[in-house]
Amino acid sequence: TELRRALRIERRMEFAMENQRLQDLMRWKLMDKV
């Protein structure tokens, strides 16, 4: 659980403005929270 959270934060820091955030949020089913 902790590593999953760390990985997801890492992706956000690494890939900002690279057209990946929407797909990440959709597949993680976090769109309702965002």
Full PDB file with SEQRES, HELIX, SHEET, SSBOND, CRYST1, ORIGX, SCALE, CONECT and MASTER records, all heavy atoms in Angstrom:
SEQRES   1 A   34  THR GLU LEU ARG ARG ALA LEU ARG ILE GLU ARG ARG MET          
SEQRES   2 A   34  GLU PHE ALA MET GLU ASN GLN ARG LEU GLN ASP LEU MET          
SEQRES   3 A   34  ARG TRP LYS LEU MET ASP LYS VAL                              
HELIX    1 AA1 GLU A    2  GLU A   14  1                                  13    
HELIX    2 AA2 ARG A   21  ARG A   27  1                                   7    
CRYST1    1.000    1.000    1.000  90.00  90.00  90.00 P 1           1          
ORIGX1      1.000000  0.000000  0.000000        0.00000                         
ORIGX2      0.000000  1.000000  0.000000        0.00000                         
ORIGX3      0.000000  0.000000  1.000000        0.00000                         
SCALE1      1.000000  0.000000  0.000000        0.00000                         
SCALE2      0.000000  1.000000  0.000000        0.00000                         
SCALE3      0.000000  0.000000  1.000000        0.00000                         
ATOM      1  N   THR A   1       0.826  -1.210   0.000  1.00  0.00           N  
ATOM      2  CA  THR A   1       0.000   0.000   0.000  1.00  0.00           C  
ATOM      3  C   THR A   1       0.856   1.255   0.000  1.00  0.00           C  
ATOM      4  O   THR A   1       0.607   2.197  -0.762  1.00  0.00           O  
ATOM      5  CB  THR A   1      -0.938   0.008   1.218  1.00  0.00           C  
ATOM      6  OG1 THR A   1      -1.795  -1.151   1.161  1.00  0.00           O  
ATOM      7  CG2 THR A   1      -1.800   1.264   1.232  1.00  0.00           C  
ATOM      8  N   GLU A   2       1.886   1.274   0.844  1.00  0.00           N  
ATOM      9  CA  GLU A   2       2.758   2.443   0.907  1.00  0.00           C  
ATOM     10  C   GLU A   2       3.545   2.624  -0.387  1.00  0.00           C  
ATOM     11  O   GLU A   2       3.733   3.748  -0.862  1.00  0.00           O  
ATOM     12  CB  GLU A   2       3.724   2.294   2.087  1.00  0.00           C  
ATOM     13  CG  GLU A   2       3.056   2.371   3.453  1.00  0.00           C  
ATOM     14  CD  GLU A   2       4.050   2.190   4.578  1.00  0.00           C  
ATOM     15  OE1 GLU A   2       5.262   2.085   4.300  1.00  0.00           O  
ATOM     16  OE2 GLU A   2       3.619   2.138   5.746  1.00  0.00           O  
ATOM     17  N   LEU A   3       3.991   1.509  -0.960  1.00  0.00           N  
ATOM     18  CA  LEU A   3       4.785   1.603  -2.176  1.00  0.00           C  
ATOM     19  C   LEU A   3       3.921   2.006  -3.371  1.00  0.00           C  
ATOM     20  O   LEU A   3       4.378   2.732  -4.254  1.00  0.00           O  
ATOM     21  CB  LEU A   3       5.478   0.263  -2.454  1.00  0.00           C  
ATOM     22  CG  LEU A   3       6.688   0.294  -3.389  1.00  0.00           C  
ATOM     23  CD1 LEU A   3       7.703   1.335  -2.950  1.00  0.00           C  
ATOM     24  CD2 LEU A   3       7.332  -1.080  -3.461  1.00  0.00           C  
ATOM     25  N   ARG A   4       2.684   1.556  -3.388  1.00  0.00           N  
ATOM     26  CA  ARG A   4       1.758   1.979  -4.444  1.00  0.00           C  
ATOM     27  C   ARG A   4       1.572   3.496  -4.403  1.00  0.00           C  
ATOM     28  O   ARG A   4       1.588   4.171  -5.428  1.00  0.00           O  
ATOM     29  CB  ARG A   4       0.404   1.286  -4.278  1.00  0.00           C  
ATOM     30  CG  ARG A   4      -0.626   1.673  -5.338  1.00  0.00           C  
ATOM     31  CD  ARG A   4      -1.973   1.040  -5.053  1.00  0.00           C  
ATOM     32  NE  ARG A   4      -1.950  -0.401  -5.234  1.00  0.00           N  
ATOM     33  CZ  ARG A   4      -2.332  -1.290  -4.313  1.00  0.00           C  
ATOM     34  NH1 ARG A   4      -2.744  -0.860  -3.110  1.00  0.00           N  
ATOM     35  NH2 ARG A   4      -2.310  -2.571  -4.570  1.00  0.00           N  
ATOM     36  N   ARG A   5       1.419   4.036  -3.192  1.00  0.00           N  
ATOM     37  CA  ARG A   5       1.270   5.488  -3.042  1.00  0.00           C  
ATOM     38  C   ARG A   5       2.527   6.212  -3.508  1.00  0.00           C  
ATOM     39  O   ARG A   5       2.457   7.218  -4.227  1.00  0.00           O  
ATOM     40  CB  ARG A   5       0.973   5.831  -1.588  1.00  0.00           C  
ATOM     41  CG  ARG A   5       0.785   7.318  -1.309  1.00  0.00           C  
ATOM     42  CD  ARG A   5       0.360   7.540   0.145  1.00  0.00           C  
ATOM     43  NE  ARG A   5       0.068   8.942   0.395  1.00  0.00           N  
ATOM     44  CZ  ARG A   5       0.955   9.817   0.865  1.00  0.00           C  
ATOM     45  NH1 ARG A   5       2.189   9.428   1.102  1.00  0.00           N  
ATOM     46  NH2 ARG A   5       0.609  11.069   1.081  1.00  0.00           N  
ATOM     47  N   ALA A   6       3.698   5.693  -3.134  1.00  0.00           N  
ATOM     48  CA  ALA A   6       4.958   6.317  -3.533  1.00  0.00           C  
ATOM     49  C   ALA A   6       5.119   6.292  -5.048  1.00  0.00           C  
ATOM     50  O   ALA A   6       5.573   7.268  -5.661  1.00  0.00           O  
ATOM     51  CB  ALA A   6       6.130   5.592  -2.870  1.00  0.00           C  
ATOM     52  N   LEU A   7       4.752   5.184  -5.672  1.00  0.00           N  
ATOM     53  CA  LEU A   7       4.853   5.046  -7.126  1.00  0.00           C  
ATOM     54  C   LEU A   7       3.959   6.050  -7.826  1.00  0.00           C  
ATOM     55  O   LEU A   7       4.357   6.697  -8.806  1.00  0.00           O  
ATOM     56  CB  LEU A   7       4.497   3.607  -7.517  1.00  0.00           C  
ATOM     57  CG  LEU A   7       4.529   3.134  -8.973  1.00  0.00           C  
ATOM     58  CD1 LEU A   7       3.350   3.614  -9.787  1.00  0.00           C  
ATOM     59  CD2 LEU A   7       5.829   3.514  -9.654  1.00  0.00           C  
ATOM     60  N   ARG A   8       2.752   6.208  -7.339  1.00  0.00           N  
ATOM     61  CA  ARG A   8       1.802   7.122  -7.982  1.00  0.00           C  
ATOM     62  C   ARG A   8       2.259   8.583  -7.846  1.00  0.00           C  
ATOM     63  O   ARG A   8       2.104   9.372  -8.792  1.00  0.00           O  
ATOM     64  CB  ARG A   8       0.404   6.917  -7.392  1.00  0.00           C  
ATOM     65  CG  ARG A   8      -0.181   5.561  -7.764  1.00  0.00           C  
ATOM     66  CD  ARG A   8      -1.569   5.343  -7.184  1.00  0.00           C  
ATOM     67  NE  ARG A   8      -2.119   4.059  -7.627  1.00  0.00           N  
ATOM     68  CZ  ARG A   8      -3.339   3.618  -7.349  1.00  0.00           C  
ATOM     69  NH1 ARG A   8      -4.142   4.371  -6.602  1.00  0.00           N  
ATOM     70  NH2 ARG A   8      -3.749   2.442  -7.804  1.00  0.00           N  
ATOM     71  N   ILE A   9       2.801   8.941  -6.712  1.00  0.00           N  
ATOM     72  CA  ILE A   9       3.330  10.294  -6.546  1.00  0.00           C  
ATOM     73  C   ILE A   9       4.540  10.494  -7.451  1.00  0.00           C  
ATOM     74  O   ILE A   9       4.719  11.559  -8.048  1.00  0.00           O  
ATOM     75  CB  ILE A   9       3.684  10.554  -5.071  1.00  0.00           C  
ATOM     76  CG1 ILE A   9       2.401  10.616  -4.231  1.00  0.00           C  
ATOM     77  CG2 ILE A   9       4.487  11.848  -4.918  1.00  0.00           C  
ATOM     78  CD1 ILE A   9       2.645  10.708  -2.736  1.00  0.00           C  
ATOM     79  N   GLU A  10       5.362   9.459  -7.557  1.00  0.00           N  
ATOM     80  CA  GLU A  10       6.539   9.546  -8.421  1.00  0.00           C  
ATOM     81  C   GLU A  10       6.135   9.788  -9.869  1.00  0.00           C  
ATOM     82  O   GLU A  10       6.736  10.595 -10.582  1.00  0.00           O  
ATOM     83  CB  GLU A  10       7.363   8.264  -8.314  1.00  0.00           C  
ATOM     84  CG  GLU A  10       8.773   8.388  -8.842  1.00  0.00           C  
ATOM     85  CD  GLU A  10       9.643   9.301  -7.995  1.00  0.00           C  
ATOM     86  OE1 GLU A  10       9.369   9.458  -6.785  1.00  0.00           O  
ATOM     87  OE2 GLU A  10      10.608   9.865  -8.553  1.00  0.00           O  
ATOM     88  N   ARG A  11       5.103   9.089 -10.323  1.00  0.00           N  
ATOM     89  CA  ARG A  11       4.632   9.284 -11.700  1.00  0.00           C  
ATOM     90  C   ARG A  11       4.146  10.717 -11.905  1.00  0.00           C  
ATOM     91  O   ARG A  11       4.377  11.306 -12.956  1.00  0.00           O  
ATOM     92  CB  ARG A  11       3.498   8.301 -12.033  1.00  0.00           C  
ATOM     93  CG  ARG A  11       3.951   6.875 -12.270  1.00  0.00           C  
ATOM     94  CD  ARG A  11       2.827   6.029 -12.874  1.00  0.00           C  
ATOM     95  NE  ARG A  11       2.454   6.505 -14.192  1.00  0.00           N  
ATOM     96  CZ  ARG A  11       3.061   6.141 -15.328  1.00  0.00           C  
ATOM     97  NH1 ARG A  11       4.071   5.299 -15.301  1.00  0.00           N  
ATOM     98  NH2 ARG A  11       2.642   6.610 -16.479  1.00  0.00           N  
ATOM     99  N   ARG A  12       3.482  11.269 -10.912  1.00  0.00           N  
ATOM    100  CA  ARG A  12       2.969  12.622 -11.101  1.00  0.00           C  
ATOM    101  C   ARG A  12       4.113  13.630 -11.188  1.00  0.00           C  
ATOM    102  O   ARG A  12       4.090  14.545 -12.003  1.00  0.00           O  
ATOM    103  CB  ARG A  12       2.026  13.013  -9.963  1.00  0.00           C  
ATOM    104  CG  ARG A  12       1.337  14.345 -10.273  1.00  0.00           C  
ATOM    105  CD  ARG A  12       0.256  14.710  -9.316  1.00  0.00           C  
ATOM    106  NE  ARG A  12      -0.589  15.747  -9.907  1.00  0.00           N  
ATOM    107  CZ  ARG A  12      -1.477  16.458  -9.247  1.00  0.00           C  
ATOM    108  NH1 ARG A  12      -1.674  16.248  -7.961  1.00  0.00           N  
ATOM    109  NH2 ARG A  12      -2.202  17.376  -9.852  1.00  0.00           N  
ATOM    110  N   MET A  13       5.130  13.455 -10.357  1.00  0.00           N  
ATOM    111  CA  MET A  13       6.261  14.378 -10.396  1.00  0.00           C  
ATOM    112  C   MET A  13       7.061  14.209 -11.682  1.00  0.00           C  
ATOM    113  O   MET A  13       7.539  15.178 -12.266  1.00  0.00           O  
ATOM    114  CB  MET A  13       7.173  14.146  -9.183  1.00  0.00           C  
ATOM    115  CG  MET A  13       6.540  14.482  -7.841  1.00  0.00           C  
ATOM    116  SD  MET A  13       7.734  14.485  -6.467  1.00  0.00           S  
ATOM    117  CE  MET A  13       8.191  12.747  -6.395  1.00  0.00           C  
ATOM    118  N   GLU A  14       7.194  12.988 -12.136  1.00  0.00           N  
ATOM    119  CA  GLU A  14       8.046  12.688 -13.286  1.00  0.00           C  
ATOM    120  C   GLU A  14       7.411  13.066 -14.613  1.00  0.00           C  
ATOM    121  O   GLU A  14       8.083  13.564 -15.517  1.00  0.00           O  
ATOM    122  CB  GLU A  14       8.395  11.198 -13.288  1.00  0.00           C  
ATOM    123  CG  GLU A  14       9.263  10.742 -14.452  1.00  0.00           C  
ATOM    124  CD  GLU A  14      10.699  11.218 -14.382  1.00  0.00           C  
ATOM    125  OE1 GLU A  14      11.142  11.656 -13.294  1.00  0.00           O  
ATOM    126  OE2 GLU A  14      11.400  11.151 -15.421  1.00  0.00           O  
ATOM    127  N   PHE A  15       6.103  12.847 -14.760  1.00  0.00           N  
ATOM    128  CA  PHE A  15       5.473  12.964 -16.081  1.00  0.00           C  
ATOM    129  C   PHE A  15       4.530  14.153 -16.236  1.00  0.00           C  
ATOM    130  O   PHE A  15       3.696  14.165 -17.149  1.00  0.00           O  
ATOM    131  CB  PHE A  15       4.716  11.671 -16.415  1.00  0.00           C  
ATOM    132  CG  PHE A  15       5.598  10.458 -16.459  1.00  0.00           C  
ATOM    133  CD1 PHE A  15       5.410   9.410 -15.576  1.00  0.00           C  
ATOM    134  CD2 PHE A  15       6.639  10.376 -17.366  1.00  0.00           C  
ATOM    135  CE1 PHE A  15       6.230   8.296 -15.598  1.00  0.00           C  
ATOM    136  CE2 PHE A  15       7.470   9.262 -17.409  1.00  0.00           C  
ATOM    137  CZ  PHE A  15       7.265   8.217 -16.519  1.00  0.00           C  
ATOM    138  N   ALA A  16       4.654  15.149 -15.389  1.00  0.00           N  
ATOM    139  CA  ALA A  16       3.806  16.344 -15.520  1.00  0.00           C  
ATOM    140  C   ALA A  16       3.930  16.918 -16.929  1.00  0.00           C  
ATOM    141  O   ALA A  16       5.014  17.000 -17.486  1.00  0.00           O  
ATOM    142  CB  ALA A  16       4.217  17.395 -14.493  1.00  0.00           C  
ATOM    143  N   MET A  17       2.813  17.294 -17.509  1.00  0.00           N  
ATOM    144  CA  MET A  17       2.724  17.897 -18.839  1.00  0.00           C  
ATOM    145  C   MET A  17       3.157  16.928 -19.955  1.00  0.00           C  
ATOM    146  O   MET A  17       3.544  17.347 -21.031  1.00  0.00           O  
ATOM    147  CB  MET A  17       3.547  19.187 -18.927  1.00  0.00           C  
ATOM    148  CG  MET A  17       3.047  20.151 -20.003  1.00  0.00           C  
ATOM    149  SD  MET A  17       3.979  21.699 -20.102  1.00  0.00           S  
ATOM    150  CE  MET A  17       5.526  21.149 -20.800  1.00  0.00           C  
ATOM    151  N   GLU A  18       3.075  15.625 -19.718  1.00  0.00           N  
ATOM    152  CA  GLU A  18       3.438  14.653 -20.741  1.00  0.00           C  
ATOM    153  C   GLU A  18       2.250  13.799 -21.183  1.00  0.00           C  
ATOM    154  O   GLU A  18       2.420  12.698 -21.697  1.00  0.00           O  
ATOM    155  CB  GLU A  18       4.587  13.766 -20.249  1.00  0.00           C  
ATOM    156  CG  GLU A  18       5.888  14.521 -20.085  1.00  0.00           C  
ATOM    157  CD  GLU A  18       7.060  13.622 -19.747  1.00  0.00           C  
ATOM    158  OE1 GLU A  18       7.316  12.653 -20.501  1.00  0.00           O  
ATOM    159  OE2 GLU A  18       7.728  13.867 -18.728  1.00  0.00           O  
ATOM    160  N   ASN A  19       1.040  14.309 -20.963  1.00  0.00           N  
ATOM    161  CA  ASN A  19      -0.176  13.652 -21.448  1.00  0.00           C  
ATOM    162  C   ASN A  19      -0.350  12.242 -20.892  1.00  0.00           C  
ATOM    163  O   ASN A  19      -0.751  11.322 -21.607  1.00  0.00           O  
ATOM    164  CB  ASN A  19      -0.188  13.619 -22.982  1.00  0.00           C  
ATOM    165  CG  ASN A  19      -0.192  14.998 -23.591  1.00  0.00           C  
ATOM    166  OD1 ASN A  19      -0.904  15.876 -23.120  1.00  0.00           O  
ATOM    167  ND2 ASN A  19       0.607  15.206 -24.618  1.00  0.00           N  
ATOM    168  N   GLN A  20      -0.076  12.072 -19.596  1.00  0.00           N  
ATOM    169  CA  GLN A  20      -0.273  10.770 -18.965  1.00  0.00           C  
ATOM    170  C   GLN A  20      -1.194  10.838 -17.751  1.00  0.00           C  
ATOM    171  O   GLN A  20      -1.698   9.809 -17.313  1.00  0.00           O  
ATOM    172  CB  GLN A  20       1.079  10.196 -18.532  1.00  0.00           C  
ATOM    173  CG  GLN A  20       2.036   9.957 -19.682  1.00  0.00           C  
ATOM    174  CD  GLN A  20       2.892   8.737 -19.443  1.00  0.00           C  
ATOM    175  OE1 GLN A  20       2.399   7.678 -19.070  1.00  0.00           O  
ATOM    176  NE2 GLN A  20       4.175   8.879 -19.658  1.00  0.00           N  
ATOM    177  N   ARG A  21      -1.409  12.021 -17.229  1.00  0.00           N  
ATOM    178  CA  ARG A  21      -2.157  12.155 -15.980  1.00  0.00           C  
ATOM    179  C   ARG A  21      -3.597  11.648 -16.107  1.00  0.00           C  
ATOM    180  O   ARG A  21      -4.102  10.959 -15.221  1.00  0.00           O  
ATOM    181  CB  ARG A  21      -2.141  13.614 -15.525  1.00  0.00           C  
ATOM    182  CG  ARG A  21      -2.824  13.872 -14.184  1.00  0.00           C  
ATOM    183  CD  ARG A  21      -2.123  13.200 -13.039  1.00  0.00           C  
ATOM    184  NE  ARG A  21      -2.698  13.586 -11.753  1.00  0.00           N  
ATOM    185  CZ  ARG A  21      -2.469  12.943 -10.622  1.00  0.00           C  
ATOM    186  NH1 ARG A  21      -1.690  11.890 -10.598  1.00  0.00           N  
ATOM    187  NH2 ARG A  21      -3.017  13.357  -9.491  1.00  0.00           N  
ATOM    188  N   LEU A  22      -4.261  11.975 -17.196  1.00  0.00           N  
ATOM    189  CA  LEU A  22      -5.652  11.540 -17.374  1.00  0.00           C  
ATOM    190  C   LEU A  22      -5.743  10.021 -17.365  1.00  0.00           C  
ATOM    191  O   LEU A  22      -6.580   9.440 -16.661  1.00  0.00           O  
ATOM    192  CB  LEU A  22      -6.221  12.101 -18.678  1.00  0.00           C  
ATOM    193  CG  LEU A  22      -7.620  11.597 -19.062  1.00  0.00           C  
ATOM    194  CD1 LEU A  22      -8.647  12.023 -18.015  1.00  0.00           C  
ATOM    195  CD2 LEU A  22      -8.030  12.102 -20.437  1.00  0.00           C  
ATOM    196  N   GLN A  23      -4.886   9.365 -18.138  1.00  0.00           N  
ATOM    197  CA  GLN A  23      -4.923   7.909 -18.194  1.00  0.00           C  
ATOM    198  C   GLN A  23      -4.607   7.288 -16.833  1.00  0.00           C  
ATOM    199  O   GLN A  23      -5.222   6.295 -16.430  1.00  0.00           O  
ATOM    200  CB  GLN A  23      -3.945   7.392 -19.252  1.00  0.00           C  
ATOM    201  CG  GLN A  23      -4.371   7.679 -20.680  1.00  0.00           C  
ATOM    202  CD  GLN A  23      -3.797   8.973 -21.207  1.00  0.00           C  
ATOM    203  OE1 GLN A  23      -3.786   9.987 -20.509  1.00  0.00           O  
ATOM    204  NE2 GLN A  23      -3.305   8.963 -22.440  1.00  0.00           N  
ATOM    205  N   ASP A  24      -3.641   7.881 -16.122  1.00  0.00           N  
ATOM    206  CA  ASP A  24      -3.313   7.357 -14.799  1.00  0.00           C  
ATOM    207  C   ASP A  24      -4.512   7.461 -13.861  1.00  0.00           C  
ATOM    208  O   ASP A  24      -4.859   6.499 -13.160  1.00  0.00           O  
ATOM    209  CB  ASP A  24      -2.124   8.114 -14.202  1.00  0.00           C  
ATOM    210  CG  ASP A  24      -0.792   7.684 -14.792  1.00  0.00           C  
ATOM    211  OD1 ASP A  24      -0.757   6.663 -15.522  1.00  0.00           O  
ATOM    212  OD2 ASP A  24       0.221   8.359 -14.527  1.00  0.00           O  
ATOM    213  N   LEU A  25      -5.150   8.605 -13.810  1.00  0.00           N  
ATOM    214  CA  LEU A  25      -6.291   8.793 -12.912  1.00  0.00           C  
ATOM    215  C   LEU A  25      -7.462   7.902 -13.296  1.00  0.00           C  
ATOM    216  O   LEU A  25      -8.179   7.397 -12.423  1.00  0.00           O  
ATOM    217  CB  LEU A  25      -6.721  10.258 -12.916  1.00  0.00           C  
ATOM    218  CG  LEU A  25      -5.732  11.252 -12.296  1.00  0.00           C  
ATOM    219  CD1 LEU A  25      -6.200  12.674 -12.509  1.00  0.00           C  
ATOM    220  CD2 LEU A  25      -5.539  10.965 -10.808  1.00  0.00           C  
ATOM    221  N   MET A  26      -7.660   7.698 -14.597  1.00  0.00           N  
ATOM    222  CA  MET A  26      -8.751   6.837 -15.040  1.00  0.00           C  
ATOM    223  C   MET A  26      -8.509   5.386 -14.642  1.00  0.00           C  
ATOM    224  O   MET A  26      -9.393   4.719 -14.108  1.00  0.00           O  
ATOM    225  CB  MET A  26      -8.937   6.960 -16.556  1.00  0.00           C  
ATOM    226  CG  MET A  26      -9.569   8.273 -16.993  1.00  0.00           C  
ATOM    227  SD  MET A  26      -9.679   8.450 -18.799  1.00  0.00           S  
ATOM    228  CE  MET A  26     -10.894   7.181 -19.195  1.00  0.00           C  
ATOM    229  N   ARG A  27      -7.289   4.898 -14.871  1.00  0.00           N  
ATOM    230  CA  ARG A  27      -7.041   3.486 -14.570  1.00  0.00           C  
ATOM    231  C   ARG A  27      -6.924   3.235 -13.076  1.00  0.00           C  
ATOM    232  O   ARG A  27      -7.206   2.115 -12.605  1.00  0.00           O  
ATOM    233  CB  ARG A  27      -5.802   2.984 -15.310  1.00  0.00           C  
ATOM    234  CG  ARG A  27      -4.496   3.629 -14.940  1.00  0.00           C  
ATOM    235  CD  ARG A  27      -3.387   3.253 -15.921  1.00  0.00           C  
ATOM    236  NE  ARG A  27      -2.111   3.858 -15.584  1.00  0.00           N  
ATOM    237  CZ  ARG A  27      -1.266   3.350 -14.708  1.00  0.00           C  
ATOM    238  NH1 ARG A  27      -1.555   2.215 -14.087  1.00  0.00           N  
ATOM    239  NH2 ARG A  27      -0.117   3.943 -14.451  1.00  0.00           N  
ATOM    240  N   TRP A  28      -6.536   4.245 -12.294  1.00  0.00           N  
ATOM    241  CA  TRP A  28      -6.495   4.109 -10.841  1.00  0.00           C  
ATOM    242  C   TRP A  28      -7.863   4.365 -10.213  1.00  0.00           C  
ATOM    243  O   TRP A  28      -8.000   4.265  -8.987  1.00  0.00           O  
ATOM    244  CB  TRP A  28      -5.487   5.085 -10.244  1.00  0.00           C  
ATOM    245  CG  TRP A  28      -4.059   4.801 -10.624  1.00  0.00           C  
ATOM    246  CD1 TRP A  28      -3.521   3.598 -10.981  1.00  0.00           C  
ATOM    247  CD2 TRP A  28      -2.989   5.758 -10.673  1.00  0.00           C  
ATOM    248  NE1 TRP A  28      -2.181   3.745 -11.251  1.00  0.00           N  
ATOM    249  CE2 TRP A  28      -1.817   5.058 -11.070  1.00  0.00           C  
ATOM    250  CE3 TRP A  28      -2.891   7.130 -10.417  1.00  0.00           C  
ATOM    251  CZ2 TRP A  28      -0.581   5.696 -11.225  1.00  0.00           C  
ATOM    252  CZ3 TRP A  28      -1.665   7.760 -10.570  1.00  0.00           C  
ATOM    253  CH2 TRP A  28      -0.520   7.044 -10.960  1.00  0.00           C  
ATOM    254  N   LYS A  29      -8.832   4.713 -11.041  1.00  0.00           N  
ATOM    255  CA  LYS A  29     -10.194   5.023 -10.583  1.00  0.00           C  
ATOM    256  C   LYS A  29     -10.184   6.110  -9.503  1.00  0.00           C  
ATOM    257  O   LYS A  29     -10.842   6.009  -8.466  1.00  0.00           O  
ATOM    258  CB  LYS A  29     -10.894   3.759 -10.059  1.00  0.00           C  
ATOM    259  CG  LYS A  29     -11.156   2.713 -11.135  1.00  0.00           C  
ATOM    260  CD  LYS A  29     -12.148   3.223 -12.161  1.00  0.00           C  
ATOM    261  CE  LYS A  29     -12.564   2.169 -13.181  1.00  0.00           C  
ATOM    262  NZ  LYS A  29     -11.527   1.900 -14.191  1.00  0.00           N  
ATOM    263  N   LEU A  30      -9.455   7.192  -9.808  1.00  0.00           N  
ATOM    264  CA  LEU A  30      -9.368   8.328  -8.884  1.00  0.00           C  
ATOM    265  C   LEU A  30     -10.047   9.576  -9.433  1.00  0.00           C  
ATOM    266  O   LEU A  30      -9.972  10.639  -8.810  1.00  0.00           O  
ATOM    267  CB  LEU A  30      -7.898   8.651  -8.586  1.00  0.00           C  
ATOM    268  CG  LEU A  30      -7.131   7.659  -7.707  1.00  0.00           C  
ATOM    269  CD1 LEU A  30      -5.685   8.091  -7.552  1.00  0.00           C  
ATOM    270  CD2 LEU A  30      -7.793   7.524  -6.330  1.00  0.00           C  
ATOM    271  N   MET A  31     -10.693   9.447 -10.593  1.00  0.00           N  
ATOM    272  CA  MET A  31     -11.288  10.643 -11.196  1.00  0.00           C  
ATOM    273  C   MET A  31     -12.348  11.272 -10.301  1.00  0.00           C  
ATOM    274  O   MET A  31     -12.459  12.501 -10.237  1.00  0.00           O  
ATOM    275  CB  MET A  31     -11.881  10.300 -12.561  1.00  0.00           C  
ATOM    276  CG  MET A  31     -10.852   9.973 -13.623  1.00  0.00           C  
ATOM    277  SD  MET A  31      -9.781  11.370 -14.052  1.00  0.00           S  
ATOM    278  CE  MET A  31     -10.868  12.310 -15.107  1.00  0.00           C  
ATOM    279  N   ASP A  32     -13.115  10.454  -9.593  1.00  0.00           N  
ATOM    280  CA  ASP A  32     -14.155  11.028  -8.743  1.00  0.00           C  
ATOM    281  C   ASP A  32     -13.549  11.877  -7.628  1.00  0.00           C  
ATOM    282  O   ASP A  32     -14.104  12.912  -7.256  1.00  0.00           O  
ATOM    283  CB  ASP A  32     -15.038   9.919  -8.156  1.00  0.00           C  
ATOM    284  CG  ASP A  32     -14.246   8.902  -7.342  1.00  0.00           C  
ATOM    285  OD1 ASP A  32     -13.058   8.684  -7.665  1.00  0.00           O  
ATOM    286  OD2 ASP A  32     -14.812   8.323  -6.398  1.00  0.00           O  
ATOM    287  N   LYS A  33     -12.395  11.465  -7.110  1.00  0.00           N  
ATOM    288  CA  LYS A  33     -11.743  12.236  -6.041  1.00  0.00           C  
ATOM    289  C   LYS A  33     -11.128  13.522  -6.596  1.00  0.00           C  
ATOM    290  O   LYS A  33     -11.243  14.596  -6.000  1.00  0.00           O  
ATOM    291  CB  LYS A  33     -10.685  11.386  -5.354  1.00  0.00           C  
ATOM    292  CG  LYS A  33     -11.254  10.227  -4.548  1.00  0.00           C  
ATOM    293  CD  LYS A  33     -10.160   9.436  -3.870  1.00  0.00           C  
ATOM    294  CE  LYS A  33     -10.734   8.392  -2.915  1.00  0.00           C  
ATOM    295  NZ  LYS A  33     -11.610   7.435  -3.582  1.00  0.00           N  
ATOM    296  N   VAL A  34     -10.471  13.429  -7.742  1.00  0.00           N  
ATOM    297  CA  VAL A  34      -9.854  14.608  -8.352  1.00  0.00           C  
ATOM    298  C   VAL A  34     -10.924  15.605  -8.781  1.00  0.00           C  
ATOM    299  O   VAL A  34     -10.781  16.822  -8.597  1.00  0.00           O  
ATOM    300  CB  VAL A  34      -8.985  14.200  -9.558  1.00  0.00           C  
ATOM    301  CG1 VAL A  34      -8.513  15.435 -10.329  1.00  0.00           C  
ATOM    302  CG2 VAL A  34      -7.790  13.392  -9.096  1.00  0.00           C  
TER     303      VAL A  34                                                      
MASTER        0    0    0    2    0    0    0    6  302    1    0    3          
END                                                                             
